[in-house]
Amino acid sequence: MSPKNTRSKFLKVGLAILLLLLLFLAGIQVFLSYYLDDLVENRLTNAVSEQTLNQYQLQIDKLTLSVWNRKMELNGVSLHPTNSSSTAPKIEFDQLSISGIQFLPYLWNGSASFADVHFLNPTVRIFENSPDSLVFLKQTTDSPPNQKSTSNISLDRFIVEGGSVNLQTSDQSRSRAELHDFNLMISGVRMDSTSRFNFPYFDFESFTTSSGNFRYAFKNGLYAIESNQAEYSTTANIASLDSLKLIPQYPRYEFARKIGHQKDRISLTVGQLRLENPDIESLKSGILIADRFTIDAADLDVFHSKLVPDGPDRVKTFPHMAFKNLNFPVTVDTIAINQSEIRYSEHLPDVNRPGTVTFSNVNGMFANVTNDSTTVSEGHEITLNVSSDVMGVAKLDAHFVLPMNEEGDHTARGTLASMQAAQLNPILEPVGLIRTERGTIHSLQFLMDLKANSASGWTQLVYSDLKIAVLDSENVNSGGRKWLRSVLANLLKVKENNDKEPFRRGEISKEREETKSMFSYWWKSLSTGLKDNIGL
């Protein structure tokens, strides 16, 4: 036989073998398509039933397994309680895709290795105050992975895309909380015998997460919280929250009537909150350590109606003392407040409109913020430097020292730039029943020592040509005034000028009303010095 014929024969044999191999592989694929898909689906559904003690059922519209492509897809997946009347959480997602499945390591030593695990449009529905939900959440958070499960798991990327969470009220009539457009990508996931029994039960190289609209309605029906977008990435190590809102659910006066007693109505919007360089390892242990927390473009509106009865006598803790007593340790080098605005309004009985004081262009800096018990015990102090424009016209600079080892004691000192006295009438007329007819405030300096029970200190108000009118509470808007009292006040009490050195100082002396806010304590303490300064 010639060499040419020999090569031709070998080529034909090779082609035949290759064809048989392809037919064999095609046959296996057909077998897998018709039988293995169903086998895997049954195994998965049975495993869910066994692991949840028949409390849950897994339903899959379609499962496709491609051994050669090392990929598995589950479409139309739902995980729901076996008992249809149960209020345990319900989970659904359009698709679960697992790619890069490594079969040999699993068969050889039980290790599971994947390229990507991708959940598309998962939806989680939870019921408020449901015993079934509470049991489910406790089991999933308190119980570490089963010791008999796969020994090691490695995953290049874990992806959640387009997720949503819905917290239903107890009667299932409405949503208590909603989160939409949740996305998560965790890279370099590893779980072994060491990590699997310690929160968060796995190690990772990096992760990125974001979410869209969020809303939570308070149980008392008075407020709701909303935000537009949240983001965090371990690469940049910055967490941000955009367009945060605290929204009262009733208008000003209806809010007061709804509660039935006096209580501040608070409306708040924040352009952005930003946390820089949080320590992830510390967070795993329940400790927040970060370099900087920034509050941008906040707008705080506080309204207090005294047209309703006093509320219950509840002692209000100073904010820095409440922070000290948190069970969650926090250490942040700096908290910055940028380009914000604060308005406080109060409406007295028998007065036909509220008074408002405005602080615009608020910029502040808290330094050395911590409630760490060791640091606090060493006499630690948080400081606050803040500036704003009072009534939008006069620059106020203030410095606060907040000792963390005292029971609320703190100090405040500051200065106020020049303004016309009449520019304070929007707060003085409805709240103080006083109108400044004329006068110029040249400057103000103050120092307040604010103890847990009382405040002391001094004010130095430099002013000239001051004249006031005492108003009739029923005619504040029309300018109605008590003529005789106004004359007597200007003749006998009010000192018209304090613009020659040595300047008079007013004495601050105020007992703290423990049921009132810290802001009220500051303002009323300062006002005692101002009144003494001008002779009232």
Protein backbone atom coordinates (compact mmCIF):
# COMPACT_ATOMS: atom_id res chain seq x y z
CA MET A 1 0.00 0.00 0.00
CA SER A 2 1.37 3.36 -0.99
CA PRO A 3 2.08 6.04 1.64
CA LYS A 4 -0.58 8.20 0.08
CA ASN A 5 -3.24 5.51 0.54
CA THR A 6 -2.05 4.94 4.15
CA ARG A 7 -2.46 8.61 5.02
CA SER A 8 -5.90 8.66 3.41
CA LYS A 9 -6.96 5.63 5.41
CA PHE A 10 -5.74 7.13 8.72
CA LEU A 11 -7.49 10.39 7.88
CA LYS A 12 -10.78 8.58 7.27
CA VAL A 13 -10.42 6.65 10.52
CA GLY A 14 -9.62 9.85 12.42
CA LEU A 15 -12.60 11.62 10.96
CA ALA A 16 -14.82 8.68 11.83
CA ILE A 17 -13.57 8.65 15.42
CA LEU A 18 -14.06 12.41 15.69
CA LEU A 19 -17.56 12.08 14.30
CA LEU A 20 -18.38 9.33 16.77
CA LEU A 21 -16.98 11.45 19.60
CA LEU A 22 -19.08 14.41 18.54
CA LEU A 23 -22.14 12.20 18.31
CA PHE A 24 -21.35 10.81 21.75
CA LEU A 25 -20.98 14.27 23.23
CA ALA A 26 -24.14 15.43 21.47
CA GLY A 27 -25.93 12.43 22.89
CA ILE A 28 -24.69 13.26 26.37
CA GLN A 29 -25.85 16.86 25.92
CA VAL A 30 -29.29 15.63 24.80
CA PHE A 31 -29.39 13.32 27.82
CA LEU A 32 -28.36 16.12 30.14
CA SER A 33 -30.87 18.51 28.59
CA TYR A 34 -33.73 16.09 29.02
CA TYR A 35 -32.82 14.42 32.29
CA LEU A 36 -30.11 16.24 34.22
CA ASP A 37 -31.97 19.57 34.28
CA ASP A 38 -34.93 17.90 35.98
CA LEU A 39 -32.62 15.95 38.27
CA VAL A 40 -30.82 19.09 39.46
CA GLU A 41 -34.11 20.97 39.89
CA ASN A 42 -35.51 18.16 42.04
CA ARG A 43 -32.33 18.02 44.08
CA LEU A 44 -32.48 21.78 44.72
CA THR A 45 -36.16 21.82 45.73
CA ASN A 46 -35.66 18.81 48.02
CA ALA A 47 -32.57 20.38 49.59
CA VAL A 48 -34.51 23.59 50.39
CA SER A 49 -37.31 21.59 51.99
CA GLU A 50 -34.87 19.56 54.06
CA GLN A 51 -32.75 22.50 55.18
CA THR A 52 -35.84 24.51 56.24
CA LEU A 53 -37.57 21.49 57.86
CA ASN A 54 -40.32 21.72 55.23
CA GLN A 55 -41.11 25.31 56.18
CA TYR A 56 -40.19 26.61 52.72
CA GLN A 57 -40.73 25.58 49.11
CA LEU A 58 -38.55 26.42 46.12
CA GLN A 59 -40.27 26.85 42.78
CA ILE A 60 -38.39 27.21 39.47
CA ASP A 61 -40.09 27.97 36.16
CA LYS A 62 -37.11 26.80 34.12
CA LEU A 63 -33.66 25.41 34.89
CA THR A 64 -30.99 25.11 32.23
CA LEU A 65 -27.67 23.38 32.91
CA SER A 66 -24.85 23.48 30.38
CA VAL A 67 -22.01 21.23 31.52
CA TRP A 68 -19.75 22.14 28.61
CA ASN A 69 -20.19 25.87 29.19
CA ARG A 70 -19.97 25.31 32.95
CA LYS A 71 -23.08 27.39 33.45
CA MET A 72 -26.49 27.05 35.10
CA GLU A 73 -29.50 29.35 34.82
CA LEU A 74 -32.65 29.37 36.93
CA ASN A 75 -35.53 31.49 35.63
CA GLY A 76 -38.68 32.53 37.48
CA VAL A 77 -37.53 31.49 40.93
CA SER A 78 -39.58 31.91 44.11
CA LEU A 79 -38.90 30.88 47.69
CA HIS A 80 -42.02 31.01 49.81
CA PRO A 81 -43.44 29.42 52.96
CA THR A 82 -45.08 26.04 52.61
CA ASN A 83 -48.03 27.34 54.60
CA SER A 84 -49.77 29.89 52.36
CA SER A 85 -51.05 31.81 55.41
CA SER A 86 -47.58 32.21 56.88
CA THR A 87 -46.15 35.72 57.16
CA ALA A 88 -42.54 34.58 56.89
CA PRO A 89 -40.44 36.39 54.26
CA LYS A 90 -41.10 35.70 50.57
CA ILE A 91 -38.30 35.89 48.02
CA GLU A 92 -38.59 35.99 44.23
CA PHE A 93 -36.16 36.75 41.41
CA ASP A 94 -36.35 36.71 37.64
CA GLN A 95 -33.11 34.86 37.11
CA LEU A 96 -30.19 33.27 38.92
CA SER A 97 -27.17 32.68 36.71
CA ILE A 98 -24.11 30.73 37.86
CA SER A 99 -21.14 30.65 35.49
CA GLY A 100 -17.63 29.21 35.55
CA ILE A 101 -18.65 26.17 37.60
CA GLN A 102 -15.60 24.05 38.46
CA PHE A 103 -16.84 20.44 38.63
CA LEU A 104 -13.52 18.62 39.19
CA PRO A 105 -12.54 20.38 42.46
CA TYR A 106 -16.01 19.65 43.82
CA LEU A 107 -15.77 15.95 42.90
CA TRP A 108 -12.17 15.73 44.14
CA ASN A 109 -12.27 17.46 47.55
CA GLY A 110 -15.74 18.98 47.96
CA SER A 111 -14.61 22.56 47.22
CA ALA A 112 -17.01 24.73 45.23
CA SER A 113 -15.58 27.27 42.80
CA PHE A 114 -17.49 29.64 40.51
CA ALA A 115 -16.79 32.63 38.30
CA ASP A 116 -20.05 34.60 38.77
CA VAL A 117 -23.25 34.20 40.74
CA HIS A 118 -25.76 36.73 39.42
CA PHE A 119 -29.22 37.44 40.87
CA LEU A 120 -31.45 39.49 38.56
CA ASN A 121 -34.35 41.55 39.97
CA PRO A 122 -34.71 39.83 43.35
CA THR A 123 -37.69 40.90 45.46
CA VAL A 124 -37.89 40.33 49.21
CA ARG A 125 -41.19 40.79 51.03
CA ILE A 126 -41.16 40.94 54.84
CA PHE A 127 -44.04 41.41 57.26
CA GLU A 128 -43.82 43.73 60.24
CA ASN A 129 -43.98 42.22 63.74
CA SER A 130 -44.58 38.79 62.26
CA PRO A 131 -43.53 35.91 64.53
CA ASP A 132 -42.80 33.89 61.38
CA SER A 133 -40.55 36.66 60.03
CA LEU A 134 -38.78 37.10 63.35
CA VAL A 135 -38.05 33.38 63.59
CA PHE A 136 -36.79 33.29 60.01
CA LEU A 137 -34.53 36.33 60.49
CA LYS A 138 -33.16 35.01 63.77
CA GLN A 139 -32.33 31.65 62.22
CA THR A 140 -30.62 33.20 59.20
CA THR A 141 -28.58 35.70 61.21
CA ASP A 142 -27.76 33.71 64.35
CA SER A 143 -26.94 30.37 62.75
CA PRO A 144 -23.57 30.04 61.00
CA PRO A 145 -23.22 27.76 57.98
CA ASN A 146 -23.61 24.03 58.54
CA GLN A 147 -20.35 22.26 59.36
CA LYS A 148 -21.25 19.42 56.97
CA SER A 149 -21.65 21.73 53.98
CA THR A 150 -19.05 22.30 51.28
CA SER A 151 -15.60 22.69 52.87
CA ASN A 152 -14.37 25.68 50.82
CA ILE A 153 -16.19 28.07 48.52
CA SER A 154 -14.54 30.53 46.14
CA LEU A 155 -16.36 32.97 43.93
CA ASP A 156 -14.94 35.59 41.57
CA ARG A 157 -18.03 37.82 41.70
CA PHE A 158 -21.32 37.79 43.58
CA ILE A 159 -23.80 40.13 41.87
CA VAL A 160 -27.27 41.38 42.80
CA GLU A 161 -28.93 43.58 40.19
CA GLY A 162 -32.20 45.50 40.46
CA GLY A 163 -33.20 44.21 43.88
CA SER A 164 -36.08 45.50 46.00
CA VAL A 165 -37.26 45.03 49.58
CA ASN A 166 -40.78 45.64 50.85
CA LEU A 167 -41.69 45.70 54.55
CA GLN A 168 -45.45 45.28 54.93
CA THR A 169 -47.47 46.49 57.92
CA SER A 170 -48.90 43.87 60.28
CA ASP A 171 -52.33 44.02 58.65
CA GLN A 172 -50.71 43.84 55.18
CA SER A 173 -52.65 46.94 54.12
CA ARG A 174 -49.65 49.09 53.11
CA SER A 175 -45.89 49.28 52.97
CA ARG A 176 -43.99 50.35 56.07
CA ALA A 177 -40.69 50.53 54.19
CA GLU A 178 -39.56 50.18 50.58
CA LEU A 179 -36.13 49.97 48.96
CA HIS A 180 -35.76 49.91 45.18
CA ASP A 181 -33.03 49.40 42.60
CA PHE A 182 -30.61 47.73 44.98
CA ASN A 183 -27.32 46.62 43.38
CA LEU A 184 -24.39 44.78 44.92
CA MET A 185 -21.14 43.33 43.59
CA ILE A 186 -18.71 41.49 45.88
CA SER A 187 -15.42 40.38 44.32
CA GLY A 188 -13.01 37.70 45.46
CA VAL A 189 -15.37 35.88 47.82
CA ARG A 190 -13.77 33.13 49.90
CA MET A 191 -15.29 30.96 52.60
CA ASP A 192 -13.28 28.37 54.52
CA SER A 193 -13.30 26.60 57.86
CA THR A 194 -12.02 29.74 59.61
CA SER A 195 -14.27 32.44 58.17
CA ARG A 196 -17.52 30.50 58.04
CA PHE A 197 -18.16 30.72 61.79
CA ASN A 198 -17.35 34.43 62.20
CA PHE A 199 -19.48 37.30 60.91
CA PRO A 200 -19.80 38.06 58.02
CA TYR A 201 -18.96 34.35 57.44
CA PHE A 202 -16.77 34.98 54.39
CA ASP A 203 -13.79 37.01 53.24
CA PHE A 204 -13.76 39.26 50.19
CA GLU A 205 -11.43 41.49 48.21
CA SER A 206 -13.79 44.37 47.45
CA PHE A 207 -17.43 45.27 47.11
CA THR A 208 -19.61 48.00 45.61
CA THR A 209 -23.22 48.66 46.44
CA SER A 210 -25.86 51.20 45.47
CA SER A 211 -29.58 51.65 45.88
CA GLY A 212 -32.30 53.90 44.54
CA ASN A 213 -35.38 55.26 46.28
CA PHE A 214 -35.95 54.40 49.94
CA ARG A 215 -38.93 55.24 52.12
CA TYR A 216 -39.84 54.38 55.69
CA ALA A 217 -43.07 55.45 57.44
CA PHE A 218 -42.92 55.71 61.24
CA LYS A 219 -45.39 53.58 63.15
CA ASN A 220 -46.89 56.61 64.90
CA GLY A 221 -47.87 58.04 61.51
CA LEU A 222 -46.21 61.39 62.24
CA TYR A 223 -43.12 61.15 60.05
CA ALA A 224 -41.63 59.43 57.02
CA ILE A 225 -38.00 59.16 55.91
CA GLU A 226 -37.05 59.22 52.23
CA SER A 227 -33.82 59.18 50.25
CA ASN A 228 -33.02 59.02 46.55
CA GLN A 229 -29.70 57.21 46.23
CA ALA A 230 -27.08 55.52 48.41
CA GLU A 231 -23.63 54.32 47.30
CA TYR A 232 -20.55 52.70 48.77
CA SER A 233 -17.37 51.26 47.28
CA THR A 234 -14.40 49.76 49.08
CA THR A 235 -12.19 51.09 46.27
CA ALA A 236 -12.95 54.75 47.06
CA ASN A 237 -13.98 53.86 50.64
CA ILE A 238 -16.67 56.55 50.66
CA ALA A 239 -20.31 56.01 51.59
CA SER A 240 -22.87 58.59 50.43
CA LEU A 241 -26.59 59.16 50.80
CA ASP A 242 -28.37 61.70 48.58
CA SER A 243 -31.53 63.73 49.19
CA LEU A 244 -32.35 62.52 52.69
CA LYS A 245 -35.69 63.84 53.96
CA LEU A 246 -37.53 63.69 57.28
CA ILE A 247 -41.09 64.54 56.30
CA PRO A 248 -43.89 65.40 58.77
CA GLN A 249 -47.12 63.77 57.67
CA TYR A 250 -49.33 66.63 58.87
CA PRO A 251 -49.27 70.43 58.39
CA ARG A 252 -47.95 72.57 61.26
CA TYR A 253 -51.08 73.10 63.35
CA GLU A 254 -52.75 69.80 62.50
CA PHE A 255 -49.53 68.08 63.65
CA ALA A 256 -49.87 69.70 67.10
CA ARG A 257 -53.58 68.85 67.33
CA LYS A 258 -52.87 65.26 66.28
CA ILE A 259 -50.38 64.78 69.12
CA GLY A 260 -52.57 66.69 71.57
CA HIS A 261 -49.74 68.39 73.44
CA GLN A 262 -46.70 70.55 72.78
CA LYS A 263 -43.95 68.92 70.74
CA ASP A 264 -41.47 70.19 68.17
CA ARG A 265 -42.48 69.49 64.58
CA ILE A 266 -39.27 68.87 62.64
CA SER A 267 -38.85 69.00 58.88
CA LEU A 268 -35.41 68.18 57.50
CA THR A 269 -33.85 67.83 54.08
CA VAL A 270 -30.17 67.07 53.45
CA GLY A 271 -28.58 67.37 50.03
CA GLN A 272 -25.98 64.73 50.75
CA LEU A 273 -24.46 62.78 53.64
CA ARG A 274 -20.95 61.46 53.08
CA LEU A 275 -18.81 59.17 55.26
CA GLU A 276 -15.13 58.98 54.30
CA ASN A 277 -12.73 56.12 54.99
CA PRO A 278 -14.79 53.96 57.35
CA ASP A 279 -12.79 51.08 58.83
CA ILE A 280 -14.47 47.92 57.49
CA GLU A 281 -12.71 45.58 59.91
CA SER A 282 -13.95 47.62 62.87
CA LEU A 283 -17.50 47.60 61.48
CA LYS A 284 -17.44 43.80 61.58
CA SER A 285 -17.03 44.13 65.35
CA GLY A 286 -19.80 46.71 65.70
CA ILE A 287 -17.49 49.75 65.91
CA LEU A 288 -17.62 52.74 63.54
CA ILE A 289 -14.29 54.46 62.91
CA ALA A 290 -14.01 57.00 60.08
CA ASP A 291 -12.03 60.06 59.04
CA ARG A 292 -14.84 62.45 58.17
CA PHE A 293 -18.63 62.75 58.06
CA THR A 294 -20.03 65.57 55.92
CA ILE A 295 -23.52 67.07 55.90
CA ASP A 296 -24.13 69.16 52.76
CA ALA A 297 -27.00 71.60 52.11
CA ALA A 298 -29.19 70.72 55.08
CA ASP A 299 -32.43 72.58 55.71
CA LEU A 300 -33.87 72.20 59.22
CA ASP A 301 -37.26 73.71 60.06
CA VAL A 302 -38.49 73.39 63.66
CA PHE A 303 -41.99 74.57 64.64
CA HIS A 304 -43.32 74.62 68.20
CA SER A 305 -46.98 75.35 68.82
CA LYS A 306 -47.99 76.50 72.29
CA LEU A 307 -51.66 76.58 71.26
CA VAL A 308 -52.03 73.09 72.75
CA PRO A 309 -51.40 71.93 76.35
CA ASP A 310 -47.94 71.17 77.70
CA GLY A 311 -46.68 67.69 77.01
CA PRO A 312 -45.73 65.07 79.59
CA ASP A 313 -42.73 66.01 81.71
CA ARG A 314 -39.93 64.02 80.15
CA VAL A 315 -36.38 64.97 80.92
CA LYS A 316 -34.50 65.67 77.68
CA THR A 317 -30.91 64.48 77.64
CA PHE A 318 -28.33 66.75 76.08
CA PRO A 319 -27.47 65.44 72.59
CA HIS A 320 -23.79 64.87 73.42
CA MET A 321 -24.81 62.85 76.50
CA ALA A 322 -27.18 60.74 74.40
CA PHE A 323 -24.26 60.19 72.01
CA LYS A 324 -22.02 59.21 74.94
CA ASN A 325 -24.53 56.58 76.10
CA LEU A 326 -24.91 54.88 72.71
CA ASN A 327 -24.22 51.16 72.76
CA PHE A 328 -22.56 51.56 69.38
CA PRO A 329 -18.98 52.92 69.67
CA VAL A 330 -18.29 55.74 67.21
CA THR A 331 -15.07 57.61 66.46
CA VAL A 332 -15.01 60.21 63.68
CA ASP A 333 -12.18 62.70 63.38
CA THR A 334 -14.34 65.46 61.88
CA ILE A 335 -18.03 66.14 61.27
CA ALA A 336 -18.56 69.01 58.82
CA ILE A 337 -21.78 70.94 58.14
CA ASN A 338 -21.78 72.90 54.88
CA GLN A 339 -24.09 75.56 53.42
CA SER A 340 -27.11 74.75 55.58
CA GLU A 341 -30.07 76.62 57.04
CA ILE A 342 -31.93 76.42 60.35
CA ARG A 343 -35.30 78.01 61.19
CA TYR A 344 -37.01 77.91 64.56
CA SER A 345 -40.61 79.10 64.87
CA GLU A 346 -42.81 79.36 67.94
CA HIS A 347 -46.49 80.28 68.23
CA LEU A 348 -47.72 81.59 71.60
CA PRO A 349 -51.34 81.49 72.80
CA ASP A 350 -53.36 84.65 72.07
CA VAL A 351 -50.84 85.76 69.44
CA ASN A 352 -52.07 85.76 65.85
CA ARG A 353 -48.86 84.58 64.18
CA PRO A 354 -45.69 82.64 64.99
CA GLY A 355 -42.27 84.16 65.47
CA THR A 356 -39.29 82.86 63.52
CA VAL A 357 -35.55 83.15 63.91
CA THR A 358 -33.43 82.14 60.93
CA PHE A 359 -29.82 81.02 60.69
CA SER A 360 -28.71 80.87 57.06
CA ASN A 361 -25.39 79.93 55.47
CA VAL A 362 -24.61 77.62 58.40
CA ASN A 363 -21.13 76.10 58.30
CA GLY A 364 -19.75 74.12 61.21
CA MET A 365 -17.07 71.67 62.25
CA PHE A 366 -17.19 69.11 65.06
CA ALA A 367 -13.73 67.84 66.01
CA ASN A 368 -12.58 64.75 67.93
CA VAL A 369 -16.00 63.10 67.91
CA THR A 370 -16.00 59.88 69.92
CA ASN A 371 -17.97 58.03 72.57
CA ASP A 372 -15.27 55.40 73.09
CA SER A 373 -15.44 54.57 76.80
CA THR A 374 -11.65 54.63 77.32
CA THR A 375 -11.22 58.00 75.62
CA VAL A 376 -14.25 59.50 77.39
CA SER A 377 -12.95 58.44 80.81
CA GLU A 378 -9.77 60.43 80.17
CA GLY A 379 -11.62 63.77 80.09
CA HIS A 380 -12.22 63.95 76.36
CA GLU A 381 -13.93 67.03 74.86
CA ILE A 382 -15.76 67.41 71.56
CA THR A 383 -15.51 70.89 70.07
CA LEU A 384 -17.82 72.66 67.64
CA ASN A 385 -16.98 75.79 65.66
CA VAL A 386 -19.95 77.15 63.73
CA SER A 387 -20.80 80.27 61.76
CA SER A 388 -24.09 81.50 60.30
CA ASP A 389 -25.99 84.61 59.23
CA VAL A 390 -28.64 85.54 61.81
CA MET A 391 -31.85 86.57 60.03
CA GLY A 392 -29.75 86.36 56.88
CA VAL A 393 -27.85 89.57 57.64
CA ALA A 394 -25.48 89.42 60.66
CA LYS A 395 -22.53 87.04 60.93
CA LEU A 396 -22.58 84.86 64.05
CA ASP A 397 -19.46 82.92 65.09
CA ALA A 398 -19.72 80.48 68.00
CA HIS A 399 -17.44 77.99 69.72
CA PHE A 400 -18.78 75.14 71.87
CA VAL A 401 -16.84 72.81 74.17
CA LEU A 402 -18.69 69.59 75.03
CA PRO A 403 -16.93 67.58 77.77
CA MET A 404 -17.82 63.91 77.49
CA ASN A 405 -17.08 62.95 81.09
CA GLU A 406 -19.54 65.42 82.64
CA GLU A 407 -23.29 65.07 82.96
CA GLY A 408 -24.09 67.55 80.23
CA ASP A 409 -21.99 70.52 81.35
CA HIS A 410 -20.69 72.54 78.40
CA THR A 411 -19.64 76.05 77.44
CA ALA A 412 -20.41 78.39 74.55
CA ARG A 413 -18.88 81.67 73.50
CA GLY A 414 -19.35 83.76 70.40
CA THR A 415 -19.70 87.05 68.57
CA LEU A 416 -22.36 88.68 66.42
CA ALA A 417 -21.65 91.34 63.80
CA SER A 418 -23.55 94.59 63.23
CA MET A 419 -27.25 94.66 62.28
CA GLN A 420 -30.30 96.85 62.67
CA ALA A 421 -32.29 95.94 65.76
CA ALA A 422 -35.53 95.97 63.74
CA GLN A 423 -34.24 92.99 61.75
CA LEU A 424 -34.92 90.87 64.85
CA ASN A 425 -38.61 91.83 64.96
CA PRO A 426 -39.83 88.63 63.20
CA ILE A 427 -38.93 86.74 66.39
CA LEU A 428 -39.23 89.55 69.00
CA GLU A 429 -42.77 90.65 68.10
CA PRO A 430 -44.71 87.34 68.24
CA VAL A 431 -42.58 85.67 70.93
CA GLY A 432 -41.30 88.54 73.11
CA LEU A 433 -44.24 90.90 72.43
CA ILE A 434 -41.66 93.63 71.86
CA ARG A 435 -40.90 95.64 68.73
CA THR A 436 -37.70 97.55 68.20
CA GLU A 437 -38.77 100.90 66.74
CA ARG A 438 -35.21 101.90 66.04
CA GLY A 439 -31.66 101.09 67.06
CA THR A 440 -28.40 99.68 65.77
CA ILE A 441 -26.63 96.66 67.15
CA HIS A 442 -22.92 97.25 66.62
CA SER A 443 -21.67 93.96 68.09
CA LEU A 444 -22.40 91.21 70.58
CA GLN A 445 -20.06 89.05 72.60
CA PHE A 446 -21.24 86.32 74.95
CA LEU A 447 -19.93 83.57 77.20
CA MET A 448 -22.23 80.91 78.66
CA ASP A 449 -21.37 78.23 81.20
CA LEU A 450 -24.20 75.74 80.77
CA LYS A 451 -24.50 73.27 83.61
CA ALA A 452 -26.91 70.36 83.84
CA ASN A 453 -29.22 72.42 86.10
CA SER A 454 -28.50 76.11 85.41
CA ALA A 455 -26.63 78.52 83.18
CA SER A 456 -24.44 81.51 84.04
CA GLY A 457 -22.21 83.89 82.10
CA TRP A 458 -22.39 87.31 80.49
CA THR A 459 -23.33 89.20 77.35
CA GLN A 460 -21.83 92.41 76.01
CA LEU A 461 -24.27 93.99 73.59
CA VAL A 462 -22.93 97.20 72.03
CA TYR A 463 -25.80 99.25 70.57
CA SER A 464 -27.09 102.79 70.09
CA ASP A 465 -30.36 104.75 69.77
CA LEU A 466 -32.53 101.85 70.96
CA LYS A 467 -36.26 102.37 71.30
CA ILE A 468 -38.84 99.63 71.84
CA ALA A 469 -42.61 99.22 71.83
CA VAL A 470 -44.50 96.80 74.09
CA LEU A 471 -47.12 95.04 71.95
CA ASP A 472 -50.66 93.88 72.56
CA SER A 473 -50.74 90.12 71.98
CA GLU A 474 -54.01 90.31 70.06
CA ASN A 475 -52.75 92.90 67.57
CA VAL A 476 -49.19 91.89 66.77
CA ASN A 477 -49.81 91.98 63.03
CA SER A 478 -51.45 95.38 63.02
CA GLY A 479 -48.77 96.88 65.21
CA GLY A 480 -51.09 97.42 68.18
CA ARG A 481 -49.06 98.38 71.20
CA LYS A 482 -49.56 99.19 74.85
CA TRP A 483 -48.75 102.88 74.75
CA LEU A 484 -48.25 103.51 78.46
CA ARG A 485 -46.09 100.46 79.01
CA SER A 486 -43.99 101.36 75.97
CA VAL A 487 -43.38 104.86 77.28
CA LEU A 488 -42.53 103.65 80.76
CA ALA A 489 -40.22 100.95 79.40
CA ASN A 490 -38.26 103.44 77.30
CA LEU A 491 -38.16 106.08 80.06
CA LEU A 492 -37.52 103.95 83.12
CA LYS A 493 -36.03 100.62 82.00
CA VAL A 494 -34.49 100.49 78.54
CA LYS A 495 -31.02 101.96 78.36
CA GLU A 496 -30.96 103.77 75.02
CA ASN A 497 -27.24 103.42 74.34
CA ASN A 498 -24.32 101.18 75.18
CA ASP A 499 -21.72 102.36 72.69
CA LYS A 500 -19.13 104.01 74.96
CA GLU A 501 -16.37 102.18 76.75
CA PRO A 502 -16.39 100.63 79.26
CA PHE A 503 -19.36 98.72 77.80
CA ARG A 504 -22.03 97.42 80.12
CA ARG A 505 -22.40 93.68 80.43
CA GLY A 506 -25.53 91.70 81.10
CA GLU A 507 -25.62 88.82 83.52
CA ILE A 508 -26.77 85.40 82.29
CA SER A 509 -28.74 83.51 84.92
CA LYS A 510 -31.19 80.80 83.93
CA GLU A 511 -32.54 77.64 85.55
CA ARG A 512 -32.72 74.82 83.06
CA GLU A 513 -36.15 73.51 82.07
CA GLU A 514 -35.29 69.82 81.77
CA THR A 515 -38.25 69.05 79.52
CA LYS A 516 -37.17 71.62 76.92
CA SER A 517 -34.66 71.18 74.12
CA MET A 518 -30.98 72.09 74.20
CA PHE A 519 -31.65 74.86 71.66
CA SER A 520 -34.31 76.33 73.98
CA TYR A 521 -31.83 76.21 76.89
CA TRP A 522 -29.23 78.11 74.86
CA TRP A 523 -31.62 80.78 73.61
CA LYS A 524 -33.39 81.44 76.91
CA SER A 525 -30.09 81.57 78.78
CA LEU A 526 -28.69 84.09 76.28
CA SER A 527 -31.87 86.17 76.40
CA THR A 528 -31.52 86.71 80.18
CA GLY A 529 -28.17 88.38 79.55
CA LEU A 530 -29.50 90.46 76.65
CA LYS A 531 -32.45 91.71 78.69
CA ASP A 532 -30.15 92.63 81.55
CA ASN A 533 -27.83 94.34 79.07
CA ILE A 534 -30.54 96.74 77.83
CA GLY A 535 -32.24 97.17 81.20
CA LEU A 536 -35.34 95.01 80.92
